[in-house]
Amino acid sequence: MIKAKIHSDDHVYQFEFDATDWFLQATDEEIKELSECDFGGDLPADRIAYFFEDKNSSVEILLDYCQLNPQGFECHINVEDATSFINENSPD
């Protein structure tokens, strides 16, 4: 399991979810971009949240809230979980 956290900028909503499915389909370039932003707080991590919008009801609730109450959100991936997955599954 690759733990991830997401929260609206006002912290009204904050959830944890499993980001493993994104990593299973991500390209090496996408993972590299994610690592370059320290696994969170930037567009590469936001893309993970959008990937789960239709797959995880908590993420969907938060993103809907952010659209209805114009504001941003932050998504952060657990660095240790992500690094372990990368080391085990990516030869590069």
PDB file of N, CA and C in Angstrom:
ATOM      1  N   MET A   1       0.841  -1.190   0.000  1.00  0.00           N
ATOM      2  CA  MET A   1       0.000   0.000   0.000  1.00  0.00           C
ATOM      3  C   MET A   1       0.877   1.241   0.000  1.00  0.00           C
ATOM      4  N   ILE A   2       0.509   2.190  -0.857  1.00  0.00           N
ATOM      5  CA  ILE A   2       1.198   3.480  -0.905  1.00  0.00           C
ATOM      6  C   ILE A   2       0.224   4.510  -0.346  1.00  0.00           C
ATOM      7  N   LYS A   3       0.490   4.938   0.860  1.00  0.00           N
ATOM      8  CA  LYS A   3      -0.411   5.870   1.530  1.00  0.00           C
ATOM      9  C   LYS A   3      -0.302   7.267   0.914  1.00  0.00           C
ATOM     10  N   ALA A   4      -1.456   7.916   0.801  1.00  0.00           N
ATOM     11  CA  ALA A   4      -1.517   9.288   0.309  1.00  0.00           C
ATOM     12  C   ALA A   4      -2.481  10.065   1.179  1.00  0.00           C
ATOM     13  N   LYS A   5      -2.239  11.367   1.272  1.00  0.00           N
ATOM     14  CA  LYS A   5      -3.125  12.264   2.007  1.00  0.00           C
ATOM     15  C   LYS A   5      -3.516  13.393   1.078  1.00  0.00           C
ATOM     16  N   ILE A   6      -4.759  13.810   1.212  1.00  0.00           N
ATOM     17  CA  ILE A   6      -5.263  14.932   0.429  1.00  0.00           C
ATOM     18  C   ILE A   6      -6.085  15.814   1.360  1.00  0.00           C
ATOM     19  N   HIS A   7      -5.967  17.125   1.169  1.00  0.00           N
ATOM     20  CA  HIS A   7      -6.786  18.047   1.961  1.00  0.00           C
ATOM     21  C   HIS A   7      -7.109  19.280   1.140  1.00  0.00           C
ATOM     22  N   SER A   8      -8.296  19.828   1.401  1.00  0.00           N
ATOM     23  CA  SER A   8      -8.649  21.106   0.796  1.00  0.00           C
ATOM     24  C   SER A   8      -7.800  22.183   1.478  1.00  0.00           C
ATOM     25  N   ASP A   9      -7.571  23.283   0.774  1.00  0.00           N
ATOM     26  CA  ASP A   9      -6.726  24.336   1.336  1.00  0.00           C
ATOM     27  C   ASP A   9      -7.245  24.862   2.667  1.00  0.00           C
ATOM     28  N   ASP A  10      -8.575  24.828   2.855  1.00  0.00           N
ATOM     29  CA  ASP A  10      -9.133  25.293   4.123  1.00  0.00           C
ATOM     30  C   ASP A  10      -9.232  24.179   5.166  1.00  0.00           C
ATOM     31  N   HIS A  11      -8.782  22.992   4.814  1.00  0.00           N
ATOM     32  CA  HIS A  11      -8.776  21.819   5.706  1.00  0.00           C
ATOM     33  C   HIS A  11     -10.166  21.385   6.179  1.00  0.00           C
ATOM     34  N   VAL A  12     -11.207  21.818   5.481  1.00  0.00           N
ATOM     35  CA  VAL A  12     -12.551  21.342   5.805  1.00  0.00           C
ATOM     36  C   VAL A  12     -12.624  19.846   5.523  1.00  0.00           C
ATOM     37  N   TYR A  13     -11.990  19.440   4.418  1.00  0.00           N
ATOM     38  CA  TYR A  13     -11.926  18.018   4.073  1.00  0.00           C
ATOM     39  C   TYR A  13     -10.468  17.580   4.045  1.00  0.00           C
ATOM     40  N   GLN A  14     -10.226  16.429   4.622  1.00  0.00           N
ATOM     41  CA  GLN A  14      -8.909  15.804   4.548  1.00  0.00           C
ATOM     42  C   GLN A  14      -9.088  14.300   4.677  1.00  0.00           C
ATOM     43  N   PHE A  15      -8.453  13.600   3.771  1.00  0.00           N
ATOM     44  CA  PHE A  15      -8.611  12.155   3.707  1.00  0.00           C
ATOM     45  C   PHE A  15      -7.273  11.486   3.442  1.00  0.00           C
ATOM     46  N   GLU A  16      -7.210  10.209   3.768  1.00  0.00           N
ATOM     47  CA  GLU A  16      -6.105   9.355   3.374  1.00  0.00           C
ATOM     48  C   GLU A  16      -6.650   8.328   2.399  1.00  0.00           C
ATOM     49  N   PHE A  17      -5.818   7.921   1.449  1.00  0.00           N
ATOM     50  CA  PHE A  17      -6.225   6.898   0.502  1.00  0.00           C
ATOM     51  C   PHE A  17      -5.006   6.124   0.026  1.00  0.00           C
ATOM     52  N   ASP A  18      -5.265   5.018  -0.638  1.00  0.00           N
ATOM     53  CA  ASP A  18      -4.214   4.156  -1.159  1.00  0.00           C
ATOM     54  C   ASP A  18      -3.932   4.558  -2.609  1.00  0.00           C
ATOM     55  N   ALA A  19      -2.730   5.001  -2.899  1.00  0.00           N
ATOM     56  CA  ALA A  19      -2.361   5.474  -4.234  1.00  0.00           C
ATOM     57  C   ALA A  19      -1.708   4.403  -5.101  1.00  0.00           C
ATOM     58  N   THR A  20      -1.692   3.174  -4.654  1.00  0.00           N
ATOM     59  CA  THR A  20      -0.991   2.115  -5.373  1.00  0.00           C
ATOM     60  C   THR A  20      -1.450   1.983  -6.822  1.00  0.00           C
ATOM     61  N   ASP A  21      -2.740   2.053  -7.071  1.00  0.00           N
ATOM     62  CA  ASP A  21      -3.237   1.872  -8.442  1.00  0.00           C
ATOM     63  C   ASP A  21      -2.648   2.896  -9.406  1.00  0.00           C
ATOM     64  N   TRP A  22      -2.415   4.098  -8.948  1.00  0.00           N
ATOM     65  CA  TRP A  22      -1.785   5.092  -9.825  1.00  0.00           C
ATOM     66  C   TRP A  22      -0.368   4.658 -10.165  1.00  0.00           C
ATOM     67  N   PHE A  23       0.380   4.223  -9.176  1.00  0.00           N
ATOM     68  CA  PHE A  23       1.761   3.805  -9.407  1.00  0.00           C
ATOM     69  C   PHE A  23       1.827   2.612 -10.359  1.00  0.00           C
ATOM     70  N   LEU A  24       0.871   1.726 -10.289  1.00  0.00           N
ATOM     71  CA  LEU A  24       0.871   0.541 -11.153  1.00  0.00           C
ATOM     72  C   LEU A  24       0.735   0.896 -12.628  1.00  0.00           C
ATOM     73  N   GLN A  25       0.101   2.019 -12.943  1.00  0.00           N
ATOM     74  CA  GLN A  25      -0.082   2.401 -14.338  1.00  0.00           C
ATOM     75  C   GLN A  25       0.786   3.600 -14.760  1.00  0.00           C
ATOM     76  N   ALA A  26       1.504   4.193 -13.830  1.00  0.00           N
ATOM     77  CA  ALA A  26       2.292   5.391 -14.127  1.00  0.00           C
ATOM     78  C   ALA A  26       3.509   5.073 -14.985  1.00  0.00           C
ATOM     79  N   THR A  27       3.860   6.033 -15.804  1.00  0.00           N
ATOM     80  CA  THR A  27       5.085   5.903 -16.598  1.00  0.00           C
ATOM     81  C   THR A  27       6.282   6.278 -15.728  1.00  0.00           C
ATOM     82  N   ASP A  28       7.464   5.891 -16.178  1.00  0.00           N
ATOM     83  CA  ASP A  28       8.685   6.276 -15.458  1.00  0.00           C
ATOM     84  C   ASP A  28       8.793   7.796 -15.375  1.00  0.00           C
ATOM     85  N   GLU A  29       8.404   8.488 -16.433  1.00  0.00           N
ATOM     86  CA  GLU A  29       8.471   9.951 -16.449  1.00  0.00           C
ATOM     87  C   GLU A  29       7.525  10.561 -15.404  1.00  0.00           C
ATOM     88  N   GLU A  30       6.323  10.022 -15.285  1.00  0.00           N
ATOM     89  CA  GLU A  30       5.373  10.531 -14.290  1.00  0.00           C
ATOM     90  C   GLU A  30       5.910  10.324 -12.872  1.00  0.00           C
ATOM     91  N   ILE A  31       6.497   9.178 -12.625  1.00  0.00           N
ATOM     92  CA  ILE A  31       7.061   8.916 -11.300  1.00  0.00           C
ATOM     93  C   ILE A  31       8.250   9.830 -11.040  1.00  0.00           C
ATOM     94  N   LYS A  32       9.055  10.069 -12.060  1.00  0.00           N
ATOM     95  CA  LYS A  32      10.200  10.978 -11.914  1.00  0.00           C
ATOM     96  C   LYS A  32       9.718  12.388 -11.572  1.00  0.00           C
ATOM     97  N   GLU A  33       8.680  12.862 -12.279  1.00  0.00           N
ATOM     98  CA  GLU A  33       8.134  14.193 -11.997  1.00  0.00           C
ATOM     99  C   GLU A  33       7.604  14.275 -10.567  1.00  0.00           C
ATOM    100  N   LEU A  34       6.967  13.212 -10.112  1.00  0.00           N
ATOM    101  CA  LEU A  34       6.452  13.172  -8.742  1.00  0.00           C
ATOM    102  C   LEU A  34       7.599  13.240  -7.737  1.00  0.00           C
ATOM    103  N   SER A  35       8.650  12.500  -7.988  1.00  0.00           N
ATOM    104  CA  SER A  35       9.786  12.514  -7.058  1.00  0.00           C
ATOM    105  C   SER A  35      10.478  13.874  -7.042  1.00  0.00           C
ATOM    106  N   GLU A  36      10.468  14.568  -8.182  1.00  0.00           N
ATOM    107  CA  GLU A  36      11.107  15.882  -8.259  1.00  0.00           C
ATOM    108  C   GLU A  36      10.378  16.946  -7.455  1.00  0.00           C
ATOM    109  N   CYS A  37       9.099  16.708  -7.136  1.00  0.00           N
ATOM    110  CA  CYS A  37       8.371  17.670  -6.286  1.00  0.00           C
ATOM    111  C   CYS A  37       8.229  17.100  -4.870  1.00  0.00           C
ATOM    112  N   ASP A  38       9.118  16.188  -4.519  1.00  0.00           N
ATOM    113  CA  ASP A  38       9.133  15.583  -3.175  1.00  0.00           C
ATOM    114  C   ASP A  38       7.819  14.887  -2.841  1.00  0.00           C
ATOM    115  N   PHE A  39       7.186  14.304  -3.864  1.00  0.00           N
ATOM    116  CA  PHE A  39       5.997  13.475  -3.701  1.00  0.00           C
ATOM    117  C   PHE A  39       4.782  14.221  -3.157  1.00  0.00           C
ATOM    118  N   GLY A  40       4.716  15.517  -3.402  1.00  0.00           N
ATOM    119  CA  GLY A  40       3.509  16.204  -2.959  1.00  0.00           C
ATOM    120  C   GLY A  40       3.546  17.703  -3.111  1.00  0.00           C
ATOM    121  N   GLY A  41       2.328  18.283  -3.014  1.00  0.00           N
ATOM    122  CA  GLY A  41       2.202  19.726  -2.984  1.00  0.00           C
ATOM    123  C   GLY A  41       2.390  20.419  -4.319  1.00  0.00           C
ATOM    124  N   ASP A  42       2.358  19.665  -5.421  1.00  0.00           N
ATOM    125  CA  ASP A  42       2.558  20.261  -6.735  1.00  0.00           C
ATOM    126  C   ASP A  42       1.753  19.469  -7.767  1.00  0.00           C
ATOM    127  N   LEU A  43       1.759  19.939  -9.015  1.00  0.00           N
ATOM    128  CA  LEU A  43       0.942  19.363 -10.066  1.00  0.00           C
ATOM    129  C   LEU A  43       1.107  17.848 -10.239  1.00  0.00           C
ATOM    130  N   PRO A  44       2.317  17.292 -10.199  1.00  0.00           N
ATOM    131  CA  PRO A  44       2.414  15.831 -10.355  1.00  0.00           C
ATOM    132  C   PRO A  44       1.618  15.067  -9.288  1.00  0.00           C
ATOM    133  N   ALA A  45       1.585  15.554  -8.078  1.00  0.00           N
ATOM    134  CA  ALA A  45       0.796  14.903  -7.020  1.00  0.00           C
ATOM    135  C   ALA A  45      -0.696  15.166  -7.218  1.00  0.00           C
ATOM    136  N   ASP A  46      -1.040  16.368  -7.692  1.00  0.00           N
ATOM    137  CA  ASP A  46      -2.445  16.673  -7.972  1.00  0.00           C
ATOM    138  C   ASP A  46      -3.013  15.713  -9.011  1.00  0.00           C
ATOM    139  N   ARG A  47      -2.177  15.345  -9.982  1.00  0.00           N
ATOM    140  CA  ARG A  47      -2.636  14.410 -11.020  1.00  0.00           C
ATOM    141  C   ARG A  47      -3.046  13.072 -10.420  1.00  0.00           C
ATOM    142  N   ILE A  48      -2.420  12.673  -9.345  1.00  0.00           N
ATOM    143  CA  ILE A  48      -2.800  11.427  -8.667  1.00  0.00           C
ATOM    144  C   ILE A  48      -4.206  11.576  -8.100  1.00  0.00           C
ATOM    145  N   ALA A  49      -4.478  12.707  -7.482  1.00  0.00           N
ATOM    146  CA  ALA A  49      -5.828  12.938  -6.954  1.00  0.00           C
ATOM    147  C   ALA A  49      -6.851  12.878  -8.076  1.00  0.00           C
ATOM    148  N   TYR A  50      -6.555  13.530  -9.199  1.00  0.00           N
ATOM    149  CA  TYR A  50      -7.502  13.506 -10.323  1.00  0.00           C
ATOM    150  C   TYR A  50      -7.685  12.093 -10.873  1.00  0.00           C
ATOM    151  N   PHE A  51      -6.631  11.295 -10.852  1.00  0.00           N
ATOM    152  CA  PHE A  51      -6.729   9.901 -11.287  1.00  0.00           C
ATOM    153  C   PHE A  51      -7.762   9.140 -10.449  1.00  0.00           C
ATOM    154  N   PHE A  52      -7.818   9.459  -9.160  1.00  0.00           N
ATOM    155  CA  PHE A  52      -8.720   8.756  -8.245  1.00  0.00           C
ATOM    156  C   PHE A  52     -10.103   9.395  -8.131  1.00  0.00           C
ATOM    157  N   GLU A  53     -10.338  10.484  -8.837  1.00  0.00           N
ATOM    158  CA  GLU A  53     -11.613  11.199  -8.703  1.00  0.00           C
ATOM    159  C   GLU A  53     -12.823  10.290  -8.934  1.00  0.00           C
ATOM    160  N   ASP A  54     -12.746   9.412  -9.905  1.00  0.00           N
ATOM    161  CA  ASP A  54     -13.859   8.496 -10.192  1.00  0.00           C
ATOM    162  C   ASP A  54     -13.698   7.127  -9.540  1.00  0.00           C
ATOM    163  N   LYS A  55     -12.609   6.940  -8.805  1.00  0.00           N
ATOM    164  CA  LYS A  55     -12.305   5.634  -8.231  1.00  0.00           C
ATOM    165  C   LYS A  55     -12.379   5.600  -6.700  1.00  0.00           C
ATOM    166  N   ASN A  56     -12.382   6.769  -6.085  1.00  0.00           N
ATOM    167  CA  ASN A  56     -12.364   6.853  -4.626  1.00  0.00           C
ATOM    168  C   ASN A  56     -13.362   7.938  -4.194  1.00  0.00           C
ATOM    169  N   SER A  57     -14.386   7.541  -3.472  1.00  0.00           N
ATOM    170  CA  SER A  57     -15.446   8.498  -3.121  1.00  0.00           C
ATOM    171  C   SER A  57     -14.937   9.643  -2.250  1.00  0.00           C
ATOM    172  N   SER A  58     -13.979   9.402  -1.391  1.00  0.00           N
ATOM    173  CA  SER A  58     -13.444  10.483  -0.544  1.00  0.00           C
ATOM    174  C   SER A  58     -12.732  11.533  -1.386  1.00  0.00           C
ATOM    175  N   VAL A  59     -11.932  11.086  -2.319  1.00  0.00           N
ATOM    176  CA  VAL A  59     -11.234  12.022  -3.206  1.00  0.00           C
ATOM    177  C   VAL A  59     -12.259  12.789  -4.046  1.00  0.00           C
ATOM    178  N   GLU A  60     -13.260  12.105  -4.533  1.00  0.00           N
ATOM    179  CA  GLU A  60     -14.299  12.755  -5.327  1.00  0.00           C
ATOM    180  C   GLU A  60     -15.024  13.836  -4.515  1.00  0.00           C
ATOM    181  N   ILE A  61     -15.364  13.536  -3.270  1.00  0.00           N
ATOM    182  CA  ILE A  61     -16.030  14.507  -2.395  1.00  0.00           C
ATOM    183  C   ILE A  61     -15.162  15.752  -2.233  1.00  0.00           C
ATOM    184  N   LEU A  62     -13.885  15.538  -1.969  1.00  0.00           N
ATOM    185  CA  LEU A  62     -12.980  16.662  -1.749  1.00  0.00           C
ATOM    186  C   LEU A  62     -12.837  17.498  -3.015  1.00  0.00           C
ATOM    187  N   LEU A  63     -12.644  16.871  -4.157  1.00  0.00           N
ATOM    188  CA  LEU A  63     -12.486  17.631  -5.395  1.00  0.00           C
ATOM    189  C   LEU A  63     -13.767  18.359  -5.770  1.00  0.00           C
ATOM    190  N   ASP A  64     -14.913  17.739  -5.540  1.00  0.00           N
ATOM    191  CA  ASP A  64     -16.189  18.426  -5.778  1.00  0.00           C
ATOM    192  C   ASP A  64     -16.315  19.651  -4.872  1.00  0.00           C
ATOM    193  N   TYR A  65     -15.942  19.491  -3.616  1.00  0.00           N
ATOM    194  CA  TYR A  65     -15.986  20.600  -2.665  1.00  0.00           C
ATOM    195  C   TYR A  65     -15.100  21.753  -3.146  1.00  0.00           C
ATOM    196  N   CYS A  66     -13.913  21.431  -3.630  1.00  0.00           N
ATOM    197  CA  CYS A  66     -12.990  22.472  -4.084  1.00  0.00           C
ATOM    198  C   CYS A  66     -13.513  23.192  -5.317  1.00  0.00           C
ATOM    199  N   GLN A  67     -14.259  22.498  -6.158  1.00  0.00           N
ATOM    200  CA  GLN A  67     -14.848  23.149  -7.327  1.00  0.00           C
ATOM    201  C   GLN A  67     -16.011  24.059  -6.932  1.00  0.00           C
ATOM    202  N   LEU A  68     -16.819  23.624  -5.979  1.00  0.00           N
ATOM    203  CA  LEU A  68     -17.975  24.412  -5.553  1.00  0.00           C
ATOM    204  C   LEU A  68     -17.588  25.591  -4.668  1.00  0.00           C
ATOM    205  N   ASN A  69     -16.475  25.485  -3.985  1.00  0.00           N
ATOM    206  CA  ASN A  69     -15.961  26.538  -3.101  1.00  0.00           C
ATOM    207  C   ASN A  69     -14.560  26.889  -3.594  1.00  0.00           C
ATOM    208  N   PRO A  70     -14.493  27.716  -4.622  1.00  0.00           N
ATOM    209  CA  PRO A  70     -13.237  27.906  -5.349  1.00  0.00           C
ATOM    210  C   PRO A  70     -12.010  28.026  -4.447  1.00  0.00           C
ATOM    211  N   GLN A  71     -11.276  26.944  -4.451  1.00  0.00           N
ATOM    212  CA  GLN A  71     -10.023  26.881  -3.705  1.00  0.00           C
ATOM    213  C   GLN A  71      -9.246  25.676  -4.169  1.00  0.00           C
ATOM    214  N   GLY A  72      -8.045  25.586  -3.707  1.00  0.00           N
ATOM    215  CA  GLY A  72      -7.180  24.491  -4.115  1.00  0.00           C
ATOM    216  C   GLY A  72      -7.182  23.353  -3.118  1.00  0.00           C
ATOM    217  N   PHE A  73      -6.298  22.430  -3.383  1.00  0.00           N
ATOM    218  CA  PHE A  73      -6.112  21.285  -2.505  1.00  0.00           C
ATOM    219  C   PHE A  73      -4.654  20.865  -2.603  1.00  0.00           C
ATOM    220  N   GLU A  74      -4.248  20.034  -1.698  1.00  0.00           N
ATOM    221  CA  GLU A  74      -2.901  19.479  -1.738  1.00  0.00           C
ATOM    222  C   GLU A  74      -2.981  17.981  -1.578  1.00  0.00           C
ATOM    223  N   CYS A  75      -2.143  17.305  -2.312  1.00  0.00           N
ATOM    224  CA  CYS A  75      -2.031  15.855  -2.230  1.00  0.00           C
ATOM    225  C   CYS A  75      -0.568  15.526  -1.945  1.00  0.00           C
ATOM    226  N   HIS A  76      -0.340  14.637  -1.001  1.00  0.00           N
ATOM    227  CA  HIS A  76       1.013  14.223  -0.631  1.00  0.00           C
ATOM    228  C   HIS A  76       1.064  12.705  -0.544  1.00  0.00           C
ATOM    229  N   ILE A  77       2.086  12.147  -1.124  1.00  0.00           N
ATOM    230  CA  ILE A  77       2.294  10.708  -1.134  1.00  0.00           C
ATOM    231  C   ILE A  77       3.353  10.370  -0.089  1.00  0.00           C
ATOM    232  N   ASN A  78       3.132   9.298   0.652  1.00  0.00           N
ATOM    233  CA  ASN A  78       4.100   8.858   1.648  1.00  0.00           C
ATOM    234  C   ASN A  78       5.398   8.478   0.938  1.00  0.00           C
ATOM    235  N   VAL A  79       6.460   9.191   1.242  1.00  0.00           N
ATOM    236  CA  VAL A  79       7.738   9.019   0.550  1.00  0.00           C
ATOM    237  C   VAL A  79       8.300   7.617   0.737  1.00  0.00           C
ATOM    238  N   GLU A  80       8.243   7.084   1.942  1.00  0.00           N
ATOM    239  CA  GLU A  80       8.797   5.759   2.200  1.00  0.00           C
ATOM    240  C   GLU A  80       8.046   4.679   1.422  1.00  0.00           C
ATOM    241  N   ASP A  81       6.717   4.778   1.409  1.00  0.00           N
ATOM    242  CA  ASP A  81       5.913   3.808   0.660  1.00  0.00           C
ATOM    243  C   ASP A  81       6.226   3.886  -0.831  1.00  0.00           C
ATOM    244  N   ALA A  82       6.272   5.099  -1.359  1.00  0.00           N
ATOM    245  CA  ALA A  82       6.533   5.282  -2.786  1.00  0.00           C
ATOM    246  C   ALA A  82       7.929   4.787  -3.157  1.00  0.00           C
ATOM    247  N   THR A  83       8.904   5.131  -2.341  1.00  0.00           N
ATOM    248  CA  THR A  83      10.276   4.711  -2.616  1.00  0.00           C
ATOM    249  C   THR A  83      10.409   3.194  -2.581  1.00  0.00           C
ATOM    250  N   SER A  84       9.789   2.553  -1.635  1.00  0.00           N
ATOM    251  CA  SER A  84       9.817   1.098  -1.560  1.00  0.00           C
ATOM    252  C   SER A  84       9.196   0.487  -2.811  1.00  0.00           C
ATOM    253  N   PHE A  85       8.050   1.018  -3.226  1.00  0.00           N
ATOM    254  CA  PHE A  85       7.386   0.506  -4.421  1.00  0.00           C
ATOM    255  C   PHE A  85       8.292   0.682  -5.642  1.00  0.00           C
ATOM    256  N   ILE A  86       8.879   1.849  -5.795  1.00  0.00           N
ATOM    257  CA  ILE A  86       9.746   2.127  -6.934  1.00  0.00           C
ATOM    258  C   ILE A  86      10.944   1.185  -6.939  1.00  0.00           C
ATOM    259  N   ASN A  87      11.573   1.009  -5.794  1.00  0.00           N
ATOM    260  CA  ASN A  87      12.749   0.132  -5.708  1.00  0.00           C
ATOM    261  C   ASN A  87      12.400  -1.322  -6.038  1.00  0.00           C
ATOM    262  N   GLU A  88      11.211  -1.750  -5.671  1.00  0.00           N
ATOM    263  CA  GLU A  88      10.797  -3.123  -5.907  1.00  0.00           C
ATOM    264  C   GLU A  88      10.278  -3.368  -7.321  1.00  0.00           C
ATOM    265  N   ASN A  89       9.763  -2.329  -7.977  1.00  0.00           N
ATOM    266  CA  ASN A  89       9.048  -2.538  -9.233  1.00  0.00           C
ATOM    267  C   ASN A  89       9.654  -1.870 -10.464  1.00  0.00           C
ATOM    268  N   SER A  90      10.633  -1.022 -10.292  1.00  0.00           N
ATOM    269  CA  SER A  90      11.186  -0.316 -11.425  1.00  0.00           C
ATOM    270  C   SER A  90      12.685  -0.595 -11.546  1.00  0.00           C
ATOM    271  N   PRO A  91      13.095  -1.195 -12.629  1.00  0.00           N
ATOM    272  CA  PRO A  91      14.517  -1.478 -12.789  1.00  0.00           C
ATOM    273  C   PRO A  91      15.370  -0.229 -12.943  1.00  0.00           C
ATOM    274  N   ASP A  92      14.747   0.885 -13.368  1.00  0.00           N
ATOM    275  CA  ASP A  92      15.497   2.129 -13.558  1.00  0.00           C
ATOM    276  C   ASP A  92      15.463   2.968 -12.315  1.00  0.00           C
TER     277      ASP A  92
END
